[in-house]
N, C-alpha and C. Protein backbone atom coordinates (compact mmCIF):
# COMPACT_ATOMS: atom_id res chain seq x y z
N MET A 1 -11.07 55.48 82.49
CA MET A 1 -12.25 54.63 82.33
C MET A 1 -13.44 55.46 81.86
N CYS A 2 -14.34 54.82 81.16
CA CYS A 2 -15.54 55.51 80.72
C CYS A 2 -16.47 55.71 81.90
N ALA A 3 -17.27 56.77 81.82
CA ALA A 3 -18.18 57.07 82.93
C ALA A 3 -19.28 56.04 83.05
N GLU A 4 -19.61 55.36 81.96
CA GLU A 4 -20.69 54.39 81.96
C GLU A 4 -20.17 53.01 81.64
N THR A 5 -20.94 52.01 82.04
CA THR A 5 -20.65 50.63 81.70
C THR A 5 -21.72 50.14 80.75
N MET A 6 -21.33 49.36 79.77
CA MET A 6 -22.30 48.86 78.81
C MET A 6 -23.37 48.03 79.52
N PRO A 7 -24.64 48.39 79.34
CA PRO A 7 -25.72 47.65 79.99
C PRO A 7 -25.74 46.19 79.57
N LYS A 8 -26.12 45.35 80.48
CA LYS A 8 -26.22 43.92 80.20
C LYS A 8 -27.25 43.69 79.10
N GLY A 9 -26.89 42.85 78.14
CA GLY A 9 -27.79 42.52 77.05
C GLY A 9 -27.69 43.44 75.85
N MET A 10 -26.94 44.53 75.97
CA MET A 10 -26.79 45.45 74.83
C MET A 10 -25.75 44.92 73.86
N ARG A 11 -25.98 45.15 72.58
CA ARG A 11 -24.99 44.79 71.57
C ARG A 11 -23.82 45.77 71.62
N VAL A 12 -22.64 45.25 71.38
CA VAL A 12 -21.45 46.11 71.35
C VAL A 12 -21.63 47.24 70.35
N SER A 13 -22.18 46.94 69.18
CA SER A 13 -22.33 47.97 68.15
C SER A 13 -23.22 49.11 68.62
N THR A 14 -24.28 48.79 69.34
CA THR A 14 -25.16 49.84 69.86
C THR A 14 -24.40 50.74 70.83
N TRP A 15 -23.51 50.15 71.60
CA TRP A 15 -22.78 50.88 72.64
C TRP A 15 -21.72 51.82 72.07
N VAL A 16 -21.10 51.44 70.95
CA VAL A 16 -19.95 52.23 70.47
C VAL A 16 -20.17 52.91 69.12
N ARG A 17 -21.14 52.43 68.32
CA ARG A 17 -21.25 52.85 66.92
C ARG A 17 -21.37 54.37 66.75
N GLU A 18 -22.28 55.00 67.47
CA GLU A 18 -22.56 56.41 67.21
C GLU A 18 -21.38 57.30 67.52
N GLU A 19 -20.64 56.99 68.58
CA GLU A 19 -19.47 57.81 68.91
C GLU A 19 -18.36 57.60 67.88
N LEU A 20 -18.15 56.37 67.44
CA LEU A 20 -17.15 56.15 66.41
C LEU A 20 -17.53 56.84 65.11
N PHE A 21 -18.81 56.77 64.73
CA PHE A 21 -19.25 57.42 63.50
C PHE A 21 -19.23 58.94 63.62
N ALA A 22 -19.28 59.48 64.82
CA ALA A 22 -19.11 60.93 64.98
C ALA A 22 -17.72 61.33 64.49
N GLY A 23 -16.75 60.45 64.70
CA GLY A 23 -15.43 60.69 64.13
C GLY A 23 -15.40 60.43 62.64
N PHE A 24 -15.92 59.27 62.24
CA PHE A 24 -15.88 58.89 60.82
C PHE A 24 -16.51 59.96 59.92
N LEU A 25 -17.66 60.48 60.32
CA LEU A 25 -18.44 61.35 59.45
C LEU A 25 -18.27 62.84 59.75
N SER A 26 -17.93 63.19 60.99
CA SER A 26 -17.88 64.61 61.36
C SER A 26 -16.54 65.03 61.96
N ASN A 27 -15.57 64.12 62.02
CA ASN A 27 -14.27 64.40 62.62
C ASN A 27 -14.39 64.91 64.05
N ASP A 28 -15.39 64.41 64.78
CA ASP A 28 -15.56 64.75 66.19
C ASP A 28 -14.66 63.80 66.99
N MET A 29 -13.46 64.25 67.28
CA MET A 29 -12.48 63.36 67.88
C MET A 29 -12.75 63.12 69.36
N ALA A 30 -13.51 63.99 70.01
CA ALA A 30 -13.84 63.75 71.42
C ALA A 30 -14.78 62.55 71.53
N GLN A 31 -15.85 62.57 70.73
CA GLN A 31 -16.77 61.43 70.76
C GLN A 31 -16.09 60.17 70.24
N PHE A 32 -15.33 60.31 69.18
CA PHE A 32 -14.62 59.16 68.62
C PHE A 32 -13.69 58.54 69.67
N GLY A 33 -12.96 59.38 70.38
CA GLY A 33 -12.05 58.88 71.40
C GLY A 33 -12.77 58.12 72.49
N ASN A 34 -13.95 58.60 72.87
CA ASN A 34 -14.71 57.90 73.90
C ASN A 34 -15.20 56.56 73.37
N GLY A 35 -15.60 56.53 72.08
CA GLY A 35 -16.02 55.27 71.49
C GLY A 35 -14.89 54.26 71.44
N MET A 36 -13.69 54.71 71.09
CA MET A 36 -12.54 53.81 71.06
C MET A 36 -12.19 53.33 72.47
N LYS A 37 -12.34 54.20 73.46
CA LYS A 37 -12.07 53.81 74.84
C LYS A 37 -13.05 52.73 75.28
N LYS A 38 -14.31 52.92 74.95
CA LYS A 38 -15.30 51.89 75.27
C LYS A 38 -14.94 50.57 74.61
N THR A 39 -14.53 50.65 73.34
CA THR A 39 -14.17 49.45 72.60
C THR A 39 -13.01 48.73 73.27
N ASP A 40 -11.99 49.47 73.65
CA ASP A 40 -10.82 48.86 74.29
C ASP A 40 -11.17 48.26 75.65
N GLU A 41 -12.09 48.88 76.38
CA GLU A 41 -12.51 48.34 77.67
C GLU A 41 -13.23 47.00 77.48
N ILE A 42 -14.02 46.90 76.44
CA ILE A 42 -14.71 45.63 76.16
C ILE A 42 -13.70 44.54 75.83
N ILE A 43 -12.70 44.89 75.01
CA ILE A 43 -11.68 43.91 74.62
C ILE A 43 -10.84 43.51 75.82
N ALA A 44 -10.53 44.47 76.70
CA ALA A 44 -9.75 44.15 77.90
C ALA A 44 -10.49 43.15 78.77
N ALA A 45 -11.82 43.29 78.84
CA ALA A 45 -12.62 42.37 79.65
C ALA A 45 -12.83 41.04 78.95
N ASP A 46 -12.86 41.06 77.60
CA ASP A 46 -13.08 39.84 76.82
C ASP A 46 -12.27 39.93 75.53
N PRO A 47 -11.05 39.38 75.54
CA PRO A 47 -10.20 39.46 74.34
C PRO A 47 -10.79 38.76 73.12
N LYS A 48 -11.85 37.96 73.30
CA LYS A 48 -12.49 37.29 72.18
C LYS A 48 -13.78 37.97 71.75
N ALA A 49 -13.94 39.24 72.14
CA ALA A 49 -15.12 40.01 71.72
C ALA A 49 -14.92 40.42 70.26
N ALA A 50 -15.36 39.57 69.34
CA ALA A 50 -15.06 39.76 67.93
C ALA A 50 -15.61 41.06 67.39
N ASP A 51 -16.83 41.42 67.80
CA ASP A 51 -17.41 42.67 67.28
C ASP A 51 -16.64 43.88 67.76
N ALA A 52 -16.16 43.86 69.00
CA ALA A 52 -15.35 44.98 69.49
C ALA A 52 -14.02 45.05 68.77
N LEU A 53 -13.41 43.89 68.50
CA LEU A 53 -12.15 43.88 67.74
C LEU A 53 -12.35 44.46 66.35
N ALA A 54 -13.49 44.14 65.73
CA ALA A 54 -13.77 44.69 64.40
C ALA A 54 -13.96 46.20 64.46
N TRP A 55 -14.65 46.68 65.49
CA TRP A 55 -14.81 48.13 65.63
C TRP A 55 -13.47 48.82 65.86
N ARG A 56 -12.60 48.16 66.64
CA ARG A 56 -11.26 48.75 66.82
C ARG A 56 -10.54 48.84 65.48
N GLY A 57 -10.68 47.79 64.66
CA GLY A 57 -10.09 47.84 63.32
C GLY A 57 -10.64 48.99 62.50
N GLY A 58 -11.95 49.20 62.58
CA GLY A 58 -12.56 50.32 61.85
C GLY A 58 -12.04 51.66 62.34
N GLY A 59 -11.87 51.79 63.66
CA GLY A 59 -11.33 53.03 64.21
C GLY A 59 -9.90 53.26 63.78
N GLU A 60 -9.11 52.21 63.78
CA GLU A 60 -7.71 52.34 63.34
C GLU A 60 -7.62 52.66 61.85
N LEU A 61 -8.54 52.12 61.06
CA LEU A 61 -8.57 52.45 59.63
C LEU A 61 -8.85 53.93 59.44
N TYR A 62 -9.80 54.47 60.20
CA TYR A 62 -10.11 55.90 60.13
C TYR A 62 -8.90 56.74 60.52
N LEU A 63 -8.24 56.37 61.61
CA LEU A 63 -7.06 57.13 62.05
C LEU A 63 -5.95 57.06 61.02
N ALA A 64 -5.80 55.91 60.36
CA ALA A 64 -4.78 55.77 59.32
C ALA A 64 -5.05 56.74 58.18
N VAL A 65 -6.30 56.80 57.73
CA VAL A 65 -6.66 57.69 56.63
C VAL A 65 -6.43 59.14 57.01
N ARG A 66 -6.74 59.50 58.24
CA ARG A 66 -6.49 60.88 58.70
C ARG A 66 -5.00 61.21 58.59
N GLU A 67 -4.15 60.29 59.02
CA GLU A 67 -2.70 60.55 58.95
C GLU A 67 -2.24 60.66 57.50
N LEU A 68 -2.77 59.81 56.64
CA LEU A 68 -2.40 59.89 55.23
C LEU A 68 -2.74 61.24 54.65
N GLU A 69 -3.90 61.77 55.03
CA GLU A 69 -4.36 63.03 54.47
C GLU A 69 -3.64 64.25 55.04
N THR A 70 -2.88 64.04 56.12
CA THR A 70 -2.00 65.11 56.61
C THR A 70 -0.61 64.98 56.00
N GLY A 71 -0.39 63.91 55.23
CA GLY A 71 0.89 63.72 54.56
C GLY A 71 1.86 62.82 55.30
N ASP A 72 1.39 62.18 56.39
CA ASP A 72 2.29 61.33 57.17
C ASP A 72 2.10 59.88 56.74
N ARG A 73 2.83 59.45 55.73
CA ARG A 73 2.67 58.10 55.21
C ARG A 73 3.16 57.05 56.21
N ALA A 74 4.20 57.37 56.98
CA ALA A 74 4.72 56.39 57.94
C ALA A 74 3.68 56.06 59.00
N LYS A 75 3.00 57.08 59.53
CA LYS A 75 1.95 56.84 60.54
C LYS A 75 0.78 56.10 59.90
N PHE A 76 0.45 56.46 58.65
CA PHE A 76 -0.61 55.73 57.95
C PHE A 76 -0.27 54.24 57.89
N ASP A 77 0.94 53.92 57.44
CA ASP A 77 1.34 52.53 57.28
C ASP A 77 1.23 51.77 58.60
N SER A 78 1.67 52.41 59.69
CA SER A 78 1.62 51.76 61.00
C SER A 78 0.18 51.50 61.44
N LEU A 79 -0.68 52.51 61.30
CA LEU A 79 -2.07 52.37 61.72
C LEU A 79 -2.84 51.42 60.81
N TYR A 80 -2.52 51.43 59.52
CA TYR A 80 -3.21 50.54 58.59
C TYR A 80 -2.88 49.08 58.92
N LYS A 81 -1.62 48.82 59.26
CA LYS A 81 -1.25 47.46 59.66
C LYS A 81 -2.00 47.06 60.93
N LYS A 82 -2.15 47.99 61.85
CA LYS A 82 -2.90 47.70 63.08
C LYS A 82 -4.36 47.39 62.75
N ALA A 83 -4.93 48.18 61.84
CA ALA A 83 -6.33 47.95 61.45
C ALA A 83 -6.50 46.56 60.85
N LEU A 84 -5.63 46.19 59.94
CA LEU A 84 -5.73 44.87 59.32
C LEU A 84 -5.56 43.77 60.36
N ALA A 85 -4.66 44.00 61.33
CA ALA A 85 -4.45 43.00 62.38
C ALA A 85 -5.69 42.88 63.26
N SER A 86 -6.34 44.00 63.57
CA SER A 86 -7.55 43.95 64.39
C SER A 86 -8.67 43.22 63.66
N PHE A 87 -8.83 43.51 62.37
CA PHE A 87 -9.85 42.79 61.60
C PHE A 87 -9.53 41.29 61.54
N ALA A 88 -8.26 40.95 61.40
CA ALA A 88 -7.86 39.55 61.37
C ALA A 88 -8.13 38.88 62.71
N ASP A 89 -7.85 39.59 63.79
CA ASP A 89 -8.14 39.06 65.13
C ASP A 89 -9.63 38.81 65.31
N ALA A 90 -10.43 39.75 64.81
CA ALA A 90 -11.89 39.60 64.91
C ALA A 90 -12.36 38.36 64.16
N LYS A 91 -11.84 38.18 62.95
CA LYS A 91 -12.23 37.03 62.14
C LYS A 91 -11.79 35.73 62.81
N ALA A 92 -10.62 35.75 63.45
CA ALA A 92 -10.08 34.53 64.06
C ALA A 92 -10.93 34.04 65.23
N VAL A 93 -11.58 34.97 65.93
CA VAL A 93 -12.34 34.56 67.13
C VAL A 93 -13.85 34.66 66.94
N MET A 94 -14.31 35.07 65.75
CA MET A 94 -15.75 35.24 65.58
C MET A 94 -16.45 33.88 65.63
N THR A 95 -17.68 33.91 66.07
CA THR A 95 -18.52 32.73 66.21
C THR A 95 -19.73 32.90 65.30
N PRO A 96 -20.56 31.87 65.17
CA PRO A 96 -21.79 32.04 64.40
C PRO A 96 -22.66 33.18 64.91
N GLN A 97 -22.53 33.51 66.18
CA GLN A 97 -23.32 34.59 66.76
C GLN A 97 -22.74 35.97 66.46
N THR A 98 -21.44 36.06 66.15
CA THR A 98 -20.81 37.37 65.93
C THR A 98 -20.32 37.57 64.50
N SER A 99 -20.42 36.53 63.65
CA SER A 99 -19.88 36.67 62.30
C SER A 99 -20.58 37.76 61.50
N ALA A 100 -21.90 37.89 61.65
CA ALA A 100 -22.62 38.92 60.91
C ALA A 100 -22.14 40.31 61.31
N ALA A 101 -21.94 40.52 62.61
CA ALA A 101 -21.47 41.82 63.08
C ALA A 101 -20.08 42.12 62.54
N VAL A 102 -19.19 41.15 62.59
CA VAL A 102 -17.83 41.36 62.10
C VAL A 102 -17.83 41.72 60.62
N ASN A 103 -18.59 40.99 59.83
CA ASN A 103 -18.63 41.28 58.39
C ASN A 103 -19.30 42.62 58.10
N ALA A 104 -20.34 42.96 58.85
CA ALA A 104 -21.01 44.25 58.65
C ALA A 104 -20.09 45.41 59.00
N ILE A 105 -19.36 45.28 60.11
CA ILE A 105 -18.46 46.36 60.56
C ILE A 105 -17.30 46.52 59.57
N ALA A 106 -16.67 45.42 59.21
CA ALA A 106 -15.53 45.50 58.29
C ALA A 106 -15.98 45.99 56.92
N GLY A 107 -17.09 45.43 56.40
CA GLY A 107 -17.60 45.87 55.11
C GLY A 107 -17.98 47.34 55.12
N GLY A 108 -18.62 47.78 56.20
CA GLY A 108 -19.07 49.17 56.29
C GLY A 108 -17.94 50.16 56.40
N THR A 109 -16.94 49.83 57.22
CA THR A 109 -15.85 50.80 57.39
C THR A 109 -14.96 50.87 56.14
N PHE A 110 -14.76 49.75 55.47
CA PHE A 110 -14.00 49.82 54.22
C PHE A 110 -14.80 50.56 53.14
N THR A 111 -16.13 50.43 53.17
CA THR A 111 -16.94 51.21 52.22
C THR A 111 -16.73 52.70 52.43
N LEU A 112 -16.62 53.11 53.69
CA LEU A 112 -16.38 54.52 53.99
C LEU A 112 -15.00 54.99 53.54
N PHE A 113 -13.99 54.15 53.71
CA PHE A 113 -12.62 54.65 53.60
C PHE A 113 -11.79 54.08 52.45
N ALA A 114 -12.29 53.08 51.73
CA ALA A 114 -11.45 52.47 50.68
C ALA A 114 -11.03 53.48 49.62
N ASP A 115 -11.93 54.39 49.25
CA ASP A 115 -11.59 55.38 48.21
C ASP A 115 -10.55 56.38 48.69
N ARG A 116 -10.30 56.43 50.00
CA ARG A 116 -9.33 57.38 50.54
C ARG A 116 -7.98 56.72 50.84
N LEU A 117 -7.85 55.44 50.51
CA LEU A 117 -6.58 54.75 50.68
C LEU A 117 -5.62 55.15 49.56
N PRO A 118 -4.32 54.93 49.76
CA PRO A 118 -3.36 55.19 48.68
C PRO A 118 -3.70 54.31 47.47
N GLU A 119 -3.42 54.79 46.31
CA GLU A 119 -3.78 54.10 45.07
C GLU A 119 -3.45 52.61 45.08
N PRO A 120 -2.25 52.19 45.51
CA PRO A 120 -1.94 50.76 45.44
C PRO A 120 -2.81 49.90 46.35
N LEU A 121 -3.45 50.50 47.37
CA LEU A 121 -4.22 49.73 48.34
C LEU A 121 -5.73 49.78 48.08
N ARG A 122 -6.16 50.66 47.16
CA ARG A 122 -7.59 50.83 46.98
C ARG A 122 -8.27 49.57 46.48
N GLN A 123 -7.67 48.91 45.51
CA GLN A 123 -8.32 47.72 44.96
C GLN A 123 -8.48 46.65 46.04
N ASP A 124 -7.49 46.51 46.90
CA ASP A 124 -7.61 45.56 48.00
C ASP A 124 -8.74 45.98 48.95
N GLY A 125 -8.88 47.28 49.18
CA GLY A 125 -9.97 47.77 50.02
C GLY A 125 -11.33 47.45 49.41
N TRP A 126 -11.48 47.66 48.10
CA TRP A 126 -12.75 47.36 47.44
C TRP A 126 -13.02 45.86 47.47
N GLN A 127 -11.96 45.07 47.34
CA GLN A 127 -12.13 43.62 47.40
C GLN A 127 -12.58 43.18 48.79
N LYS A 128 -12.08 43.85 49.81
CA LYS A 128 -12.50 43.52 51.18
C LYS A 128 -14.00 43.82 51.37
N ILE A 129 -14.48 44.90 50.78
CA ILE A 129 -15.91 45.19 50.83
C ILE A 129 -16.69 44.04 50.22
N HIS A 130 -16.27 43.62 49.04
CA HIS A 130 -16.92 42.52 48.35
C HIS A 130 -16.91 41.25 49.22
N THR A 131 -15.76 40.94 49.80
CA THR A 131 -15.63 39.71 50.59
C THR A 131 -16.53 39.73 51.81
N HIS A 132 -16.49 40.82 52.56
CA HIS A 132 -17.26 40.89 53.81
C HIS A 132 -18.76 40.98 53.56
N TYR A 133 -19.16 41.83 52.63
CA TYR A 133 -20.59 41.98 52.37
C TYR A 133 -21.17 40.76 51.65
N SER A 134 -20.38 40.08 50.84
CA SER A 134 -20.86 38.85 50.21
C SER A 134 -21.11 37.78 51.27
N ALA A 135 -20.19 37.66 52.21
CA ALA A 135 -20.36 36.70 53.30
C ALA A 135 -21.58 37.05 54.14
N LEU A 136 -21.76 38.33 54.41
CA LEU A 136 -22.90 38.78 55.21
C LEU A 136 -24.22 38.50 54.50
N SER A 137 -24.31 38.86 53.23
CA SER A 137 -25.57 38.66 52.51
C SER A 137 -25.90 37.18 52.33
N GLU A 138 -24.88 36.34 52.18
CA GLU A 138 -25.11 34.90 52.07
C GLU A 138 -25.61 34.34 53.39
N GLU A 139 -25.01 34.78 54.48
CA GLU A 139 -25.44 34.33 55.81
C GLU A 139 -26.88 34.74 56.11
N GLN A 140 -27.26 35.92 55.64
CA GLN A 140 -28.59 36.45 55.95
C GLN A 140 -29.59 36.21 54.83
N LYS A 141 -29.21 35.44 53.84
CA LYS A 141 -30.05 35.23 52.66
C LYS A 141 -31.48 34.82 52.99
N PRO A 142 -31.71 33.91 53.94
CA PRO A 142 -33.09 33.48 54.21
C PRO A 142 -34.01 34.60 54.69
N PHE A 143 -33.44 35.65 55.29
CA PHE A 143 -34.28 36.72 55.83
C PHE A 143 -33.80 38.12 55.44
N PHE A 144 -32.92 38.19 54.45
CA PHE A 144 -32.31 39.48 54.09
C PHE A 144 -33.36 40.52 53.71
N THR A 145 -34.37 40.12 52.95
CA THR A 145 -35.38 41.09 52.49
C THR A 145 -36.28 41.58 53.61
N LYS A 146 -36.19 40.97 54.78
CA LYS A 146 -36.96 41.42 55.94
C LYS A 146 -36.14 42.34 56.84
N MET A 147 -34.88 42.53 56.49
CA MET A 147 -34.02 43.41 57.28
C MET A 147 -34.41 44.87 57.03
N PRO A 148 -34.05 45.79 57.96
CA PRO A 148 -34.36 47.20 57.75
C PRO A 148 -33.78 47.74 56.45
N VAL A 149 -34.40 48.78 55.91
CA VAL A 149 -33.95 49.40 54.66
C VAL A 149 -32.48 49.79 54.75
N HIS A 150 -32.07 50.35 55.88
CA HIS A 150 -30.67 50.75 56.04
C HIS A 150 -29.74 49.57 55.79
N HIS A 151 -30.05 48.45 56.40
CA HIS A 151 -29.17 47.28 56.28
C HIS A 151 -29.16 46.76 54.85
N GLN A 152 -30.33 46.52 54.28
CA GLN A 152 -30.38 46.05 52.89
C GLN A 152 -29.67 47.02 51.94
N GLY A 153 -29.99 48.30 52.11
CA GLY A 153 -29.44 49.31 51.21
C GLY A 153 -27.94 49.42 51.28
N GLU A 154 -27.39 49.40 52.50
CA GLU A 154 -25.94 49.55 52.63
C GLU A 154 -25.19 48.33 52.13
N VAL A 155 -25.73 47.14 52.38
CA VAL A 155 -25.05 45.93 51.90
C VAL A 155 -25.09 45.87 50.37
N LEU A 156 -26.26 46.06 49.78
CA LEU A 156 -26.38 45.99 48.32
C LEU A 156 -25.62 47.13 47.64
N SER A 157 -25.73 48.33 48.18
CA SER A 157 -25.03 49.46 47.54
C SER A 157 -23.52 49.37 47.74
N GLY A 158 -23.09 48.84 48.91
CA GLY A 158 -21.67 48.64 49.12
C GLY A 158 -21.10 47.63 48.13
N LEU A 159 -21.85 46.55 47.92
CA LEU A 159 -21.42 45.54 46.94
C LEU A 159 -21.41 46.12 45.52
N ALA A 160 -22.44 46.90 45.18
CA ALA A 160 -22.51 47.50 43.85
C ALA A 160 -21.38 48.50 43.63
N GLN A 161 -21.12 49.31 44.64
CA GLN A 161 -20.06 50.31 44.52
C GLN A 161 -18.70 49.62 44.37
N ALA A 162 -18.48 48.55 45.17
CA ALA A 162 -17.23 47.81 45.06
C ALA A 162 -17.10 47.17 43.67
N ALA A 163 -18.20 46.62 43.15
CA ALA A 163 -18.16 45.99 41.81
C ALA A 163 -17.79 47.02 40.74
N LEU A 164 -18.34 48.22 40.83
CA LEU A 164 -17.99 49.27 39.88
C LEU A 164 -16.51 49.63 39.98
N ARG A 165 -16.02 49.78 41.23
CA ARG A 165 -14.62 50.14 41.41
C ARG A 165 -13.70 49.05 40.86
N LEU A 166 -14.12 47.78 40.99
CA LEU A 166 -13.31 46.65 40.56
C LEU A 166 -13.48 46.33 39.08
N GLY A 167 -14.37 47.08 38.42
CA GLY A 167 -14.56 46.88 36.98
C GLY A 167 -15.46 45.72 36.62
N ASP A 168 -16.21 45.20 37.59
CA ASP A 168 -17.11 44.07 37.31
C ASP A 168 -18.49 44.63 36.98
N LYS A 169 -18.67 45.04 35.73
CA LYS A 169 -19.90 45.71 35.33
C LYS A 169 -21.10 44.77 35.37
N ALA A 170 -20.90 43.49 35.10
CA ALA A 170 -22.01 42.54 35.13
C ALA A 170 -22.58 42.42 36.54
N ALA A 171 -21.69 42.26 37.52
CA ALA A 171 -22.14 42.16 38.91
C ALA A 171 -22.76 43.47 39.36
N ALA A 172 -22.16 44.60 38.97
CA ALA A 172 -22.70 45.90 39.35
C ALA A 172 -24.10 46.09 38.78
N THR A 173 -24.31 45.70 37.53
CA THR A 173 -25.63 45.83 36.90
C THR A 173 -26.68 45.03 37.66
N THR A 174 -26.35 43.79 37.99
CA THR A 174 -27.30 42.94 38.73
C THR A 174 -27.64 43.55 40.08
N LEU A 175 -26.64 44.03 40.78
CA LEU A 175 -26.86 44.61 42.11
C LEU A 175 -27.66 45.90 42.03
N LEU A 176 -27.34 46.75 41.07
CA LEU A 176 -28.07 48.01 40.92
C LEU A 176 -29.53 47.75 40.55
N GLU A 177 -29.77 46.78 39.69
CA GLU A 177 -31.14 46.43 39.33
C GLU A 177 -31.89 45.87 40.54
N THR A 178 -31.20 45.13 41.39
CA THR A 178 -31.81 44.60 42.60
C THR A 178 -32.21 45.74 43.54
N ILE A 179 -31.34 46.73 43.68
CA ILE A 179 -31.67 47.89 44.54
C ILE A 179 -32.91 48.60 44.01
N ILE A 180 -32.95 48.84 42.72
CA ILE A 180 -34.08 49.55 42.12
C ILE A 180 -35.37 48.77 42.30
N THR A 181 -35.29 47.45 42.18
CA THR A 181 -36.49 46.60 42.27
C THR A 181 -36.96 46.41 43.71
N THR A 182 -36.02 46.18 44.62
CA THR A 182 -36.39 45.81 45.99
C THR A 182 -36.45 46.99 46.96
N LEU A 183 -35.83 48.11 46.59
CA LEU A 183 -35.82 49.27 47.49
C LEU A 183 -36.34 50.52 46.79
N PRO A 184 -37.53 50.44 46.17
CA PRO A 184 -38.09 51.63 45.51
C PRO A 184 -38.48 52.67 46.55
N SER A 185 -38.45 53.92 46.13
CA SER A 185 -38.85 55.03 47.00
C SER A 185 -38.00 55.12 48.26
N THR A 186 -36.77 54.69 48.18
CA THR A 186 -35.82 54.86 49.28
C THR A 186 -34.67 55.72 48.78
N PRO A 187 -33.80 56.23 49.67
CA PRO A 187 -32.68 57.05 49.21
C PRO A 187 -31.74 56.31 48.26
N TYR A 188 -31.78 54.99 48.25
CA TYR A 188 -30.86 54.22 47.42
C TYR A 188 -31.29 54.18 45.96
N GLU A 189 -32.60 54.29 45.69
CA GLU A 189 -33.11 54.11 44.34
C GLU A 189 -32.54 55.12 43.34
N PRO A 190 -32.58 56.43 43.61
CA PRO A 190 -32.08 57.37 42.60
C PRO A 190 -30.58 57.23 42.35
N PHE A 191 -29.81 56.93 43.38
CA PHE A 191 -28.37 56.75 43.19
C PHE A 191 -28.10 55.50 42.36
N ALA A 192 -28.88 54.44 42.61
CA ALA A 192 -28.71 53.22 41.83
C ALA A 192 -29.09 53.44 40.37
N LYS A 193 -30.18 54.18 40.13
CA LYS A 193 -30.59 54.46 38.75
C LYS A 193 -29.54 55.27 38.01
N LYS A 194 -28.98 56.27 38.68
CA LYS A 194 -27.95 57.09 38.04
C LYS A 194 -26.71 56.25 37.74
N ALA A 195 -26.30 55.42 38.69
CA ALA A 195 -25.12 54.59 38.48
C ALA A 195 -25.35 53.57 37.37
N LEU A 196 -26.58 53.04 37.29
CA LEU A 196 -26.89 52.07 36.25
C LEU A 196 -26.86 52.72 34.87
N ALA A 197 -27.30 53.97 34.80
CA ALA A 197 -27.32 54.68 33.52
C ALA A 197 -25.92 55.04 33.05
N THR A 198 -25.03 55.35 33.98
CA THR A 198 -23.70 55.84 33.61
C THR A 198 -22.60 54.79 33.74
N MET A 199 -22.80 53.82 34.64
CA MET A 199 -21.78 52.83 34.99
C MET A 199 -20.45 53.51 35.32
N ASP A 200 -20.56 54.63 36.01
CA ASP A 200 -19.39 55.40 36.40
C ASP A 200 -18.64 54.66 37.50
N ALA A 201 -17.38 54.35 37.25
CA ALA A 201 -16.58 53.60 38.22
C ALA A 201 -16.40 54.34 39.53
N LYS A 202 -16.61 55.66 39.51
CA LYS A 202 -16.44 56.47 40.73
C LYS A 202 -17.77 56.84 41.38
N ALA A 203 -18.85 56.24 40.91
CA ALA A 203 -20.18 56.61 41.41
C ALA A 203 -20.31 56.35 42.91
N LYS A 204 -20.96 57.29 43.60
CA LYS A 204 -21.29 57.10 45.01
C LYS A 204 -22.68 56.49 45.09
N ILE A 205 -22.79 55.37 45.78
CA ILE A 205 -24.07 54.69 45.94
C ILE A 205 -24.36 54.40 47.40
N ALA A 206 -23.30 54.14 48.17
CA ALA A 206 -23.44 53.68 49.54
C ALA A 206 -23.36 54.82 50.55
N CYS A 207 -23.57 54.45 51.83
CA CYS A 207 -23.49 55.39 52.96
C CYS A 207 -24.52 56.51 52.83
N LEU A 208 -25.78 56.11 52.64
CA LEU A 208 -26.84 57.10 52.40
C LEU A 208 -27.82 57.24 53.56
N THR A 209 -27.88 56.27 54.47
CA THR A 209 -28.82 56.35 55.59
C THR A 209 -28.10 55.98 56.88
N CYS A 210 -28.79 56.18 58.00
CA CYS A 210 -28.23 55.88 59.31
C CYS A 210 -28.91 54.65 59.91
N HIS A 211 -28.24 54.07 60.90
CA HIS A 211 -28.72 52.86 61.55
C HIS A 211 -29.68 53.25 62.67
N ASP A 212 -30.85 53.77 62.31
CA ASP A 212 -31.77 54.31 63.31
C ASP A 212 -32.23 53.28 64.33
N ALA A 213 -32.50 52.05 63.88
CA ALA A 213 -33.05 51.04 64.79
C ALA A 213 -32.06 50.68 65.89
N GLY A 214 -30.77 50.85 65.64
CA GLY A 214 -29.77 50.45 66.61
C GLY A 214 -29.21 51.60 67.42
N ARG A 215 -29.90 52.72 67.46
CA ARG A 215 -29.38 53.88 68.18
C ARG A 215 -29.39 53.66 69.69
N LEU A 216 -28.39 54.21 70.36
CA LEU A 216 -28.27 54.08 71.80
C LEU A 216 -29.47 54.70 72.51
N ALA A 217 -29.95 55.82 71.96
CA ALA A 217 -31.09 56.50 72.59
C ALA A 217 -32.33 55.60 72.63
N ASN A 218 -32.49 54.77 71.60
CA ASN A 218 -33.64 53.87 71.58
C ASN A 218 -33.55 52.84 72.70
N TRP A 219 -32.31 52.39 72.99
CA TRP A 219 -32.12 51.43 74.07
C TRP A 219 -32.41 52.08 75.42
N LYS A 220 -31.96 53.33 75.58
CA LYS A 220 -32.09 54.01 76.86
C LYS A 220 -33.49 54.57 77.09
N ALA A 221 -34.30 54.69 76.04
CA ALA A 221 -35.63 55.28 76.18
C ALA A 221 -36.46 54.45 77.15
N PRO A 222 -37.22 55.09 78.03
CA PRO A 222 -38.06 54.34 78.96
C PRO A 222 -39.16 53.57 78.21
N ALA A 223 -39.46 52.42 78.72
CA ALA A 223 -40.54 51.61 78.12
C ALA A 223 -41.86 52.34 78.29
N PRO A 224 -42.75 52.25 77.28
CA PRO A 224 -44.05 52.91 77.41
C PRO A 224 -44.84 52.32 78.58
N LYS A 225 -45.55 53.18 79.26
CA LYS A 225 -46.35 52.73 80.41
C LYS A 225 -47.57 51.96 79.94
N ALA A 226 -47.86 50.91 80.68
CA ALA A 226 -49.04 50.11 80.35
C ALA A 226 -50.31 50.89 80.67
N ASP A 227 -51.33 50.69 79.87
CA ASP A 227 -52.60 51.37 80.14
C ASP A 227 -53.24 50.84 81.41
């Protein structure tokens, strides 16, 4: 069991994201393992916790890619099937309150790992990014431009990167121009400008900032004292 219990009222993503990303980005398997344990504890308590199921899918996708890169295709295949099943389970039980989280988690983790999938599966991975982030941006359309820079940037750049990989230059152009126009002076602008100039199908545009507003430390920080 984990040493801590998720505080009441906290979002699942806040509770597990940083430890899982320690694995995704730094191969810190100790933190990653604790994040997966937290995720499984949430699912054990509530099998319909769609956001936790999506995070488990993201973790399994990462583990699958690790096995592939060690040369173990059989373990990759097994873990990849588990990841797809977890994402499918999340979609099956998601509600209007959890659909945004499920699409953000699935879109984000495939953005990280689609380029590292075996060649026959990459296009499907890029298509999944398009599907999840398109659903997310449509759901949040009324207030999308009021979302934090990280959120806007990752959704738009993930969609643009997927469009380039899929060969949809018209969609990529529109998305890159949107990034340049709506997110000037952010880390996304120079990458979008370079990609727009080259239309390089392998251009990196996404995964440029961190989810600072949702950090666990911010939740745990003591409230400021009243004057």
